[in-house]
Amino acid sequence: MLALGILLLCFGPSFLEACGIKPYSARVVNGETAPQHAWPWQISLRVNGGHICGGSLIKPDWVLTAAHCVERNPRPSGYTVVVGAHNLYSSTRYQQTFRVVRLHMHSGFSMNHFRNDVALLKLERPAQLSSAVNLVCAPRANSRIPAGTQCYITGWGRTVGGGSGASVLQQAPLPVAGDRECQRVNGYMIPIDSTSMICAGGRGRGGCQGDSGGPFVCNEGGRWVLRGAVSWGHSMCRTDHYTVFARVSSFIGWINQRIR
């Protein structure tokens, strides 16, 4: 059983003790459209106004996403971040849009092996926190979540294998998979590095509801803790394969060094 101290951690020094809190009215059900603002740390990363990846608000002015989302263009001026979004094609009073002014991509990332698939985006100013916009909690450095734990993936990803992205935010429960099991199933595509990767899904459940870079969160004692950032999986979202995430707990030191 995880100690309660794990649940109250935020990334770096923070004034907000209520990280990882969802609106009380939001219900989570199997793989469907998410209730509006049910996942208030979910962000939309955009280029020229178009959504390209997801991410998580870890501090009012910092976002965690996947390195492969920004690998082709590491210049921060090419990106904007939208928080408080639900429908990608309609704006509401809850949305806030920010330019990215600084970008840190993990130096150990490569498209050849997808290890260390994390990047940090510094926003031009802090987001205004509310019931629609909130921070996700940090896991304890190098901590592990047990295989079989049911956690949740969210994003505007494909709703069916090979399909187009969704216009409204999607959510789905995915059980955490063991490292050996993930290597057995997914390892022929890319070897599983258990230090920097965590796997989830299988049992007929895939990660099509998620976007690259988007959050994989677990409810730990009533708080939602960021355990993964969507990294890779089967190109057709086959549910007999696992979705692979960057293991956030392995990067707490790296993150905190850069967001001070």
C-alpha atoms as a PDB file:
ATOM      1  CA  MET A   1       0.000   0.000   0.000  1.00  0.00           C
ATOM      2  CA  LEU A   2       1.455   3.361  -1.014  1.00  0.00           C
ATOM      3  CA  ALA A   3       2.023   5.836   1.772  1.00  0.00           C
ATOM      4  CA  LEU A   4      -0.174   8.917   1.788  1.00  0.00           C
ATOM      5  CA  GLY A   5       2.931  11.087   1.479  1.00  0.00           C
ATOM      6  CA  ILE A   6       3.267   9.982  -2.129  1.00  0.00           C
ATOM      7  CA  LEU A   7      -0.109  11.379  -2.985  1.00  0.00           C
ATOM      8  CA  LEU A   8       0.442  14.953  -1.930  1.00  0.00           C
ATOM      9  CA  LEU A   9       3.624  15.572  -3.898  1.00  0.00           C
ATOM     10  CA  CYS A  10       3.636  18.203  -6.584  1.00  0.00           C
ATOM     11  CA  PHE A  11       6.388  18.734  -9.126  1.00  0.00           C
ATOM     12  CA  GLY A  12       8.907  21.012  -7.439  1.00  0.00           C
ATOM     13  CA  PRO A  13       7.936  23.671  -4.896  1.00  0.00           C
ATOM     14  CA  SER A  14       4.242  24.460  -5.247  1.00  0.00           C
ATOM     15  CA  PHE A  15       1.659  26.598  -3.506  1.00  0.00           C
ATOM     16  CA  LEU A  16      -1.125  24.228  -4.543  1.00  0.00           C
ATOM     17  CA  GLU A  17      -1.827  21.350  -2.183  1.00  0.00           C
ATOM     18  CA  ALA A  18      -4.897  20.193  -4.116  1.00  0.00           C
ATOM     19  CA  CYS A  19      -3.080  18.612  -7.058  1.00  0.00           C
ATOM     20  CA  GLY A  20      -4.731  15.601  -8.652  1.00  0.00           C
ATOM     21  CA  ILE A  21      -8.289  16.608  -7.749  1.00  0.00           C
ATOM     22  CA  LYS A  22     -11.045  16.050 -10.312  1.00  0.00           C
ATOM     23  CA  PRO A  23     -14.434  17.810 -10.284  1.00  0.00           C
ATOM     24  CA  TYR A  24     -16.677  15.924  -7.856  1.00  0.00           C
ATOM     25  CA  SER A  25     -19.339  15.317 -10.517  1.00  0.00           C
ATOM     26  CA  ALA A  26     -17.048  13.641 -13.054  1.00  0.00           C
ATOM     27  CA  ARG A  27     -17.592   9.892 -13.449  1.00  0.00           C
ATOM     28  CA  VAL A  28     -15.149   7.552 -15.181  1.00  0.00           C
ATOM     29  CA  VAL A  29     -16.583   4.806 -17.333  1.00  0.00           C
ATOM     30  CA  ASN A  30     -15.085   2.471 -19.902  1.00  0.00           C
ATOM     31  CA  GLY A  31     -13.561   3.994 -23.031  1.00  0.00           C
ATOM     32  CA  GLU A  32     -15.833   6.850 -24.036  1.00  0.00           C
ATOM     33  CA  THR A  33     -16.150  10.609 -24.248  1.00  0.00           C
ATOM     34  CA  ALA A  34     -14.955  12.181 -21.007  1.00  0.00           C
ATOM     35  CA  PRO A  35     -17.252  14.457 -18.990  1.00  0.00           C
ATOM     36  CA  GLN A  36     -16.345  18.080 -19.550  1.00  0.00           C
ATOM     37  CA  HIS A  37     -13.256  19.117 -17.526  1.00  0.00           C
ATOM     38  CA  ALA A  38     -13.076  15.703 -15.863  1.00  0.00           C
ATOM     39  CA  TRP A  39      -9.287  15.664 -16.344  1.00  0.00           C
ATOM     40  CA  PRO A  40      -8.261  19.272 -15.653  1.00  0.00           C
ATOM     41  CA  TRP A  41      -4.504  18.731 -16.141  1.00  0.00           C
ATOM     42  CA  GLN A  42      -4.961  17.544 -19.738  1.00  0.00           C
ATOM     43  CA  ILE A  43      -3.496  19.985 -22.269  1.00  0.00           C
ATOM     44  CA  SER A  44      -3.570  20.272 -26.049  1.00  0.00           C
ATOM     45  CA  LEU A  45      -0.200  20.925 -27.714  1.00  0.00           C
ATOM     46  CA  ARG A  46      -0.637  22.741 -31.014  1.00  0.00           C
ATOM     47  CA  VAL A  47       1.317  23.849 -34.067  1.00  0.00           C
ATOM     48  CA  ASN A  48      -0.219  26.556 -36.246  1.00  0.00           C
ATOM     49  CA  GLY A  49      -3.462  26.116 -34.311  1.00  0.00           C
ATOM     50  CA  GLY A  50      -3.698  22.375 -35.000  1.00  0.00           C
ATOM     51  CA  HIS A  51      -3.609  19.752 -32.239  1.00  0.00           C
ATOM     52  CA  ILE A  52      -0.569  17.450 -32.449  1.00  0.00           C
ATOM     53  CA  CYS A  53      -0.103  15.918 -28.985  1.00  0.00           C
ATOM     54  CA  GLY A  54      -1.359  15.799 -25.438  1.00  0.00           C
ATOM     55  CA  GLY A  55       0.433  16.629 -22.226  1.00  0.00           C
ATOM     56  CA  SER A  56      -0.051  17.251 -18.518  1.00  0.00           C
ATOM     57  CA  LEU A  57      -0.025  20.463 -16.506  1.00  0.00           C
ATOM     58  CA  ILE A  58       2.464  19.745 -13.717  1.00  0.00           C
ATOM     59  CA  LYS A  59       2.907  23.334 -12.495  1.00  0.00           C
ATOM     60  CA  PRO A  60       0.926  26.450 -13.441  1.00  0.00           C
ATOM     61  CA  ASP A  61       3.607  27.332 -16.000  1.00  0.00           C
ATOM     62  CA  TRP A  62       5.061  23.919 -16.923  1.00  0.00           C
ATOM     63  CA  VAL A  63       3.788  21.040 -19.071  1.00  0.00           C
ATOM     64  CA  LEU A  64       5.145  17.499 -19.378  1.00  0.00           C
ATOM     65  CA  THR A  65       4.761  15.837 -22.773  1.00  0.00           C
ATOM     66  CA  ALA A  66       6.608  13.272 -24.922  1.00  0.00           C
ATOM     67  CA  ALA A  67       9.977  14.060 -26.472  1.00  0.00           C
ATOM     68  CA  HIS A  68       8.893  12.555 -29.784  1.00  0.00           C
ATOM     69  CA  CYS A  69       6.178  15.229 -30.026  1.00  0.00           C
ATOM     70  CA  VAL A  70       8.790  17.986 -30.276  1.00  0.00           C
ATOM     71  CA  GLU A  71      11.796  16.094 -31.649  1.00  0.00           C
ATOM     72  CA  ARG A  72      11.425  17.379 -35.208  1.00  0.00           C
ATOM     73  CA  ASN A  73      11.215  21.019 -34.165  1.00  0.00           C
ATOM     74  CA  PRO A  74      12.864  21.760 -30.799  1.00  0.00           C
ATOM     75  CA  ARG A  75      12.248  25.513 -31.081  1.00  0.00           C
ATOM     76  CA  PRO A  76       9.714  26.596 -28.436  1.00  0.00           C
ATOM     77  CA  SER A  77       8.320  29.394 -30.607  1.00  0.00           C
ATOM     78  CA  GLY A  78       6.715  26.800 -32.872  1.00  0.00           C
ATOM     79  CA  TYR A  79       4.247  25.624 -30.218  1.00  0.00           C
ATOM     80  CA  THR A  80       1.224  26.779 -28.256  1.00  0.00           C
ATOM     81  CA  VAL A  81      -0.493  25.056 -25.332  1.00  0.00           C
ATOM     82  CA  VAL A  82      -4.231  25.142 -24.605  1.00  0.00           C
ATOM     83  CA  VAL A  83      -5.516  24.250 -21.129  1.00  0.00           C
ATOM     84  CA  GLY A  84      -9.170  23.775 -20.160  1.00  0.00           C
ATOM     85  CA  ALA A  85     -10.088  22.367 -23.583  1.00  0.00           C
ATOM     86  CA  HIS A  86     -12.759  19.723 -24.161  1.00  0.00           C
ATOM     87  CA  ASN A  87     -13.766  20.048 -27.819  1.00  0.00           C
ATOM     88  CA  LEU A  88     -10.799  20.789 -30.060  1.00  0.00           C
ATOM     89  CA  TYR A  89     -12.953  22.713 -32.512  1.00  0.00           C
ATOM     90  CA  SER A  90     -14.916  24.974 -30.191  1.00  0.00           C
ATOM     91  CA  SER A  91     -13.556  27.462 -27.679  1.00  0.00           C
ATOM     92  CA  THR A  92     -15.107  28.129 -24.273  1.00  0.00           C
ATOM     93  CA  ARG A  93     -14.513  30.577 -21.455  1.00  0.00           C
ATOM     94  CA  TYR A  94     -12.587  27.869 -19.603  1.00  0.00           C
ATOM     95  CA  GLN A  95      -9.822  27.696 -22.196  1.00  0.00           C
ATOM     96  CA  GLN A  96      -6.499  29.474 -21.814  1.00  0.00           C
ATOM     97  CA  THR A  97      -3.884  29.622 -24.570  1.00  0.00           C
ATOM     98  CA  PHE A  98      -0.161  30.107 -24.039  1.00  0.00           C
ATOM     99  CA  ARG A  99       2.956  30.479 -26.110  1.00  0.00           C
ATOM    100  CA  VAL A 100       5.806  28.131 -25.218  1.00  0.00           C
ATOM    101  CA  VAL A 101       8.918  30.092 -24.261  1.00  0.00           C
ATOM    102  CA  ARG A 102      11.282  27.282 -23.247  1.00  0.00           C
ATOM    103  CA  LEU A 103      11.583  23.628 -24.235  1.00  0.00           C
ATOM    104  CA  HIS A 104      13.632  20.870 -22.601  1.00  0.00           C
ATOM    105  CA  MET A 105      13.818  17.548 -24.460  1.00  0.00           C
ATOM    106  CA  HIS A 106      15.526  14.678 -22.654  1.00  0.00           C
ATOM    107  CA  SER A 107      19.009  14.283 -24.128  1.00  0.00           C
ATOM    108  CA  GLY A 108      18.773  10.501 -23.855  1.00  0.00           C
ATOM    109  CA  PHE A 109      15.764  10.230 -26.170  1.00  0.00           C
ATOM    110  CA  SER A 110      16.031   8.620 -29.603  1.00  0.00           C
ATOM    111  CA  MET A 111      13.382   7.640 -32.135  1.00  0.00           C
ATOM    112  CA  ASN A 112      15.349   4.393 -32.537  1.00  0.00           C
ATOM    113  CA  HIS A 113      14.593   3.090 -29.045  1.00  0.00           C
ATOM    114  CA  PHE A 114      12.022   5.514 -27.485  1.00  0.00           C
ATOM    115  CA  ARG A 115      13.733   5.448 -24.102  1.00  0.00           C
ATOM    116  CA  ASN A 116      13.539   8.695 -22.085  1.00  0.00           C
ATOM    117  CA  ASP A 117      10.561   9.928 -24.108  1.00  0.00           C
ATOM    118  CA  VAL A 118       9.869  13.064 -22.055  1.00  0.00           C
ATOM    119  CA  ALA A 119       9.986  16.807 -22.673  1.00  0.00           C
ATOM    120  CA  LEU A 120       9.114  19.903 -20.647  1.00  0.00           C
ATOM    121  CA  LEU A 121       7.413  23.032 -21.970  1.00  0.00           C
ATOM    122  CA  LYS A 122       7.604  26.360 -20.138  1.00  0.00           C
ATOM    123  CA  LEU A 123       4.530  28.552 -20.637  1.00  0.00           C
ATOM    124  CA  GLU A 124       4.766  32.307 -21.157  1.00  0.00           C
ATOM    125  CA  ARG A 125       2.819  32.881 -17.932  1.00  0.00           C
ATOM    126  CA  PRO A 126       1.175  30.724 -15.253  1.00  0.00           C
ATOM    127  CA  ALA A 127      -2.222  29.206 -15.990  1.00  0.00           C
ATOM    128  CA  GLN A 128      -5.114  30.363 -13.821  1.00  0.00           C
ATOM    129  CA  LEU A 129      -6.166  27.309 -11.827  1.00  0.00           C
ATOM    130  CA  SER A 130      -9.848  26.441 -11.385  1.00  0.00           C
ATOM    131  CA  SER A 131     -12.201  23.467 -11.431  1.00  0.00           C
ATOM    132  CA  ALA A 132     -11.483  23.223 -15.171  1.00  0.00           C
ATOM    133  CA  VAL A 133      -7.695  23.698 -14.961  1.00  0.00           C
ATOM    134  CA  ASN A 134      -5.627  21.982 -12.275  1.00  0.00           C
ATOM    135  CA  LEU A 135      -2.292  20.291 -11.678  1.00  0.00           C
ATOM    136  CA  VAL A 136      -1.679  16.560 -11.606  1.00  0.00           C
ATOM    137  CA  CYS A 137       0.245  15.096  -8.668  1.00  0.00           C
ATOM    138  CA  ALA A 138       3.779  13.736  -8.980  1.00  0.00           C
ATOM    139  CA  PRO A 139       4.754  10.179  -8.070  1.00  0.00           C
ATOM    140  CA  ARG A 140       7.579   9.594  -5.633  1.00  0.00           C
ATOM    141  CA  ALA A 141      10.896   9.338  -7.483  1.00  0.00           C
ATOM    142  CA  ASN A 142      11.557   5.814  -8.800  1.00  0.00           C
ATOM    143  CA  SER A 143       8.364   4.418  -7.245  1.00  0.00           C
ATOM    144  CA  ARG A 144       6.466   1.637  -8.997  1.00  0.00           C
ATOM    145  CA  ILE A 145       2.760   1.015  -9.437  1.00  0.00           C
ATOM    146  CA  PRO A 146       1.794  -2.692  -9.118  1.00  0.00           C
ATOM    147  CA  ALA A 147       0.850  -4.690 -12.205  1.00  0.00           C
ATOM    148  CA  GLY A 148      -2.916  -5.038 -12.455  1.00  0.00           C
ATOM    149  CA  THR A 149      -3.648  -1.574 -11.051  1.00  0.00           C
ATOM    150  CA  GLN A 150      -6.362   0.073 -13.125  1.00  0.00           C
ATOM    151  CA  CYS A 151      -5.370   3.555 -14.236  1.00  0.00           C
ATOM    152  CA  TYR A 152      -6.668   5.893 -16.934  1.00  0.00           C
ATOM    153  CA  ILE A 153      -5.559   7.280 -20.256  1.00  0.00           C
ATOM    154  CA  THR A 154      -7.079  10.434 -21.746  1.00  0.00           C
ATOM    155  CA  GLY A 155      -6.717  12.420 -24.933  1.00  0.00           C
ATOM    156  CA  TRP A 156      -8.059  13.218 -28.361  1.00  0.00           C
ATOM    157  CA  GLY A 157      -6.511  10.129 -29.918  1.00  0.00           C
ATOM    158  CA  ARG A 158      -7.970   7.749 -32.447  1.00  0.00           C
ATOM    159  CA  THR A 159     -11.273   6.194 -31.437  1.00  0.00           C
ATOM    160  CA  VAL A 160     -10.694   3.154 -33.670  1.00  0.00           C
ATOM    161  CA  GLY A 161      -7.511   1.653 -35.101  1.00  0.00           C
ATOM    162  CA  GLY A 162      -6.481   3.602 -38.180  1.00  0.00           C
ATOM    163  CA  GLY A 163      -9.220   6.176 -37.605  1.00  0.00           C
ATOM    164  CA  SER A 164      -8.975   9.915 -37.206  1.00  0.00           C
ATOM    165  CA  GLY A 165      -8.616  11.742 -33.915  1.00  0.00           C
ATOM    166  CA  ALA A 166     -11.629  12.567 -31.773  1.00  0.00           C
ATOM    167  CA  SER A 167     -12.943  16.110 -31.535  1.00  0.00           C
ATOM    168  CA  VAL A 168     -13.882  15.780 -27.847  1.00  0.00           C
ATOM    169  CA  LEU A 169     -11.712  14.432 -25.046  1.00  0.00           C
ATOM    170  CA  GLN A 170     -11.734  10.638 -24.651  1.00  0.00           C
ATOM    171  CA  GLN A 171     -11.012   8.514 -21.579  1.00  0.00           C
ATOM    172  CA  ALA A 172     -10.422   4.810 -20.972  1.00  0.00           C
ATOM    173  CA  PRO A 173      -9.324   2.579 -18.087  1.00  0.00           C
ATOM    174  CA  LEU A 174      -6.155   0.546 -18.699  1.00  0.00           C
ATOM    175  CA  PRO A 175      -4.618  -1.965 -16.267  1.00  0.00           C
ATOM    176  CA  VAL A 176      -0.882  -1.688 -15.639  1.00  0.00           C
ATOM    177  CA  ALA A 177       1.075  -4.568 -17.205  1.00  0.00           C
ATOM    178  CA  GLY A 178       4.165  -6.273 -15.837  1.00  0.00           C
ATOM    179  CA  ASP A 179       7.487  -5.519 -17.529  1.00  0.00           C
ATOM    180  CA  ARG A 180       8.150  -9.112 -18.614  1.00  0.00           C
ATOM    181  CA  GLU A 181       4.649  -9.497 -20.013  1.00  0.00           C
ATOM    182  CA  CYS A 182       5.004  -6.252 -21.952  1.00  0.00           C
ATOM    183  CA  GLN A 183       8.359  -7.365 -23.353  1.00  0.00           C
ATOM    184  CA  ARG A 184       6.824 -10.690 -24.397  1.00  0.00           C
ATOM    185  CA  VAL A 185       4.005  -8.995 -26.308  1.00  0.00           C
ATOM    186  CA  ASN A 186       5.518  -5.721 -27.534  1.00  0.00           C
ATOM    187  CA  GLY A 187       9.248  -6.416 -27.490  1.00  0.00           C
ATOM    188  CA  TYR A 188       9.456  -7.495 -31.138  1.00  0.00           C
ATOM    189  CA  MET A 189       8.655  -3.877 -32.111  1.00  0.00           C
ATOM    190  CA  ILE A 190      10.859  -1.995 -29.641  1.00  0.00           C
ATOM    191  CA  PRO A 191      12.631  -3.556 -26.630  1.00  0.00           C
ATOM    192  CA  ILE A 192      10.992  -2.588 -23.339  1.00  0.00           C
ATOM    193  CA  ASP A 193      13.256  -0.612 -21.017  1.00  0.00           C
ATOM    194  CA  SER A 194      11.670  -1.119 -17.612  1.00  0.00           C
ATOM    195  CA  THR A 195      13.483   1.885 -16.125  1.00  0.00           C
ATOM    196  CA  SER A 196      12.085   4.472 -18.518  1.00  0.00           C
ATOM    197  CA  MET A 197       8.898   2.735 -19.719  1.00  0.00           C
ATOM    198  CA  ILE A 198       5.649   1.515 -18.147  1.00  0.00           C
ATOM    199  CA  CYS A 199       3.039  -0.514 -20.045  1.00  0.00           C
ATOM    200  CA  ALA A 200      -0.725  -0.803 -19.735  1.00  0.00           C
ATOM    201  CA  GLY A 201      -3.705  -2.200 -21.601  1.00  0.00           C
ATOM    202  CA  GLY A 202      -4.284  -5.621 -23.066  1.00  0.00           C
ATOM    203  CA  ARG A 203      -7.307  -7.728 -22.106  1.00  0.00           C
ATOM    204  CA  GLY A 204      -9.180  -6.194 -25.019  1.00  0.00           C
ATOM    205  CA  ARG A 205      -8.329  -2.621 -24.045  1.00  0.00           C
ATOM    206  CA  GLY A 206      -6.067  -0.365 -26.081  1.00  0.00           C
ATOM    207  CA  GLY A 207      -4.734   3.143 -25.885  1.00  0.00           C
ATOM    208  CA  CYS A 208      -6.545   4.731 -28.804  1.00  0.00           C
ATOM    209  CA  GLN A 209      -8.261   7.179 -26.458  1.00  0.00           C
ATOM    210  CA  GLY A 210      -4.884   8.732 -25.675  1.00  0.00           C
ATOM    211  CA  ASP A 211      -2.585  11.085 -27.520  1.00  0.00           C
ATOM    212  CA  SER A 212       1.178  10.976 -27.703  1.00  0.00           C
ATOM    213  CA  GLY A 213       2.503  12.825 -24.675  1.00  0.00           C
ATOM    214  CA  GLY A 214      -0.829  12.685 -22.872  1.00  0.00           C
ATOM    215  CA  PRO A 215      -1.394  11.569 -19.275  1.00  0.00           C
ATOM    216  CA  PHE A 216      -1.657   8.102 -17.805  1.00  0.00           C
ATOM    217  CA  VAL A 217      -2.907   8.660 -14.259  1.00  0.00           C
ATOM    218  CA  CYS A 218      -3.698   6.460 -11.273  1.00  0.00           C
ATOM    219  CA  ASN A 219      -6.016   7.216  -8.366  1.00  0.00           C
ATOM    220  CA  GLU A 220      -3.841   6.826  -5.279  1.00  0.00           C
ATOM    221  CA  GLY A 221      -5.752   7.577  -2.106  1.00  0.00           C
ATOM    222  CA  GLY A 222      -8.147   9.976  -3.777  1.00  0.00           C
ATOM    223  CA  ARG A 223      -5.523  11.941  -5.690  1.00  0.00           C
ATOM    224  CA  TRP A 224      -4.645  11.432  -9.352  1.00  0.00           C
ATOM    225  CA  VAL A 225      -0.939  10.787  -9.827  1.00  0.00           C
ATOM    226  CA  LEU A 226       0.872  11.076 -13.176  1.00  0.00           C
ATOM    227  CA  ARG A 227       2.422   7.677 -13.800  1.00  0.00           C
ATOM    228  CA  GLY A 228       3.009   7.886 -17.538  1.00  0.00           C
ATOM    229  CA  ALA A 229       3.170  10.014 -20.666  1.00  0.00           C
ATOM    230  CA  VAL A 230       1.912   8.250 -23.811  1.00  0.00           C
ATOM    231  CA  SER A 231       4.923   7.132 -25.844  1.00  0.00           C
ATOM    232  CA  TRP A 232       4.226   4.333 -28.336  1.00  0.00           C
ATOM    233  CA  GLY A 233       2.184   1.265 -29.183  1.00  0.00           C
ATOM    234  CA  HIS A 234       0.922  -0.801 -32.097  1.00  0.00           C
ATOM    235  CA  SER A 235       0.271   1.441 -35.098  1.00  0.00           C
ATOM    236  CA  MET A 236      -3.257   0.059 -35.504  1.00  0.00           C
ATOM    237  CA  CYS A 237      -4.113   0.244 -31.786  1.00  0.00           C
ATOM    238  CA  ARG A 238      -4.515  -3.518 -31.519  1.00  0.00           C
ATOM    239  CA  THR A 239      -5.971  -4.414 -28.138  1.00  0.00           C
ATOM    240  CA  ASP A 240      -3.814  -7.551 -27.896  1.00  0.00           C
ATOM    241  CA  HIS A 241      -0.788  -5.252 -27.556  1.00  0.00           C
ATOM    242  CA  TYR A 242       0.121  -2.853 -24.778  1.00  0.00           C
ATOM    243  CA  THR A 243       0.335   0.909 -24.818  1.00  0.00           C
ATOM    244  CA  VAL A 244       3.769   2.055 -23.668  1.00  0.00           C
ATOM    245  CA  PHE A 245       4.327   5.205 -21.623  1.00  0.00           C
ATOM    246  CA  ALA A 246       7.354   7.091 -20.371  1.00  0.00           C
ATOM    247  CA  ARG A 247       7.648   6.106 -16.696  1.00  0.00           C
ATOM    248  CA  VAL A 248       7.312   9.513 -15.006  1.00  0.00           C
ATOM    249  CA  SER A 249       8.631   8.370 -11.624  1.00  0.00           C
ATOM    250  CA  SER A 250      12.022   7.729 -13.253  1.00  0.00           C
ATOM    251  CA  PHE A 251      12.316  11.363 -14.320  1.00  0.00           C
ATOM    252  CA  ILE A 252      11.406  13.268 -11.141  1.00  0.00           C
ATOM    253  CA  GLY A 253      14.991  14.412 -10.576  1.00  0.00           C
ATOM    254  CA  TRP A 254      15.378  15.443 -14.209  1.00  0.00           C
ATOM    255  CA  ILE A 255      12.091  17.365 -14.067  1.00  0.00           C
ATOM    256  CA  ASN A 256      12.770  19.162 -10.801  1.00  0.00           C
ATOM    257  CA  GLN A 257      16.211  20.297 -11.943  1.00  0.00           C
ATOM    258  CA  ARG A 258      14.585  22.114 -14.866  1.00  0.00           C
ATOM    259  CA  ILE A 259      11.459  23.653 -13.357  1.00  0.00           C
ATOM    260  CA  ARG A 260      13.013  25.328 -10.318  1.00  0.00           C
END
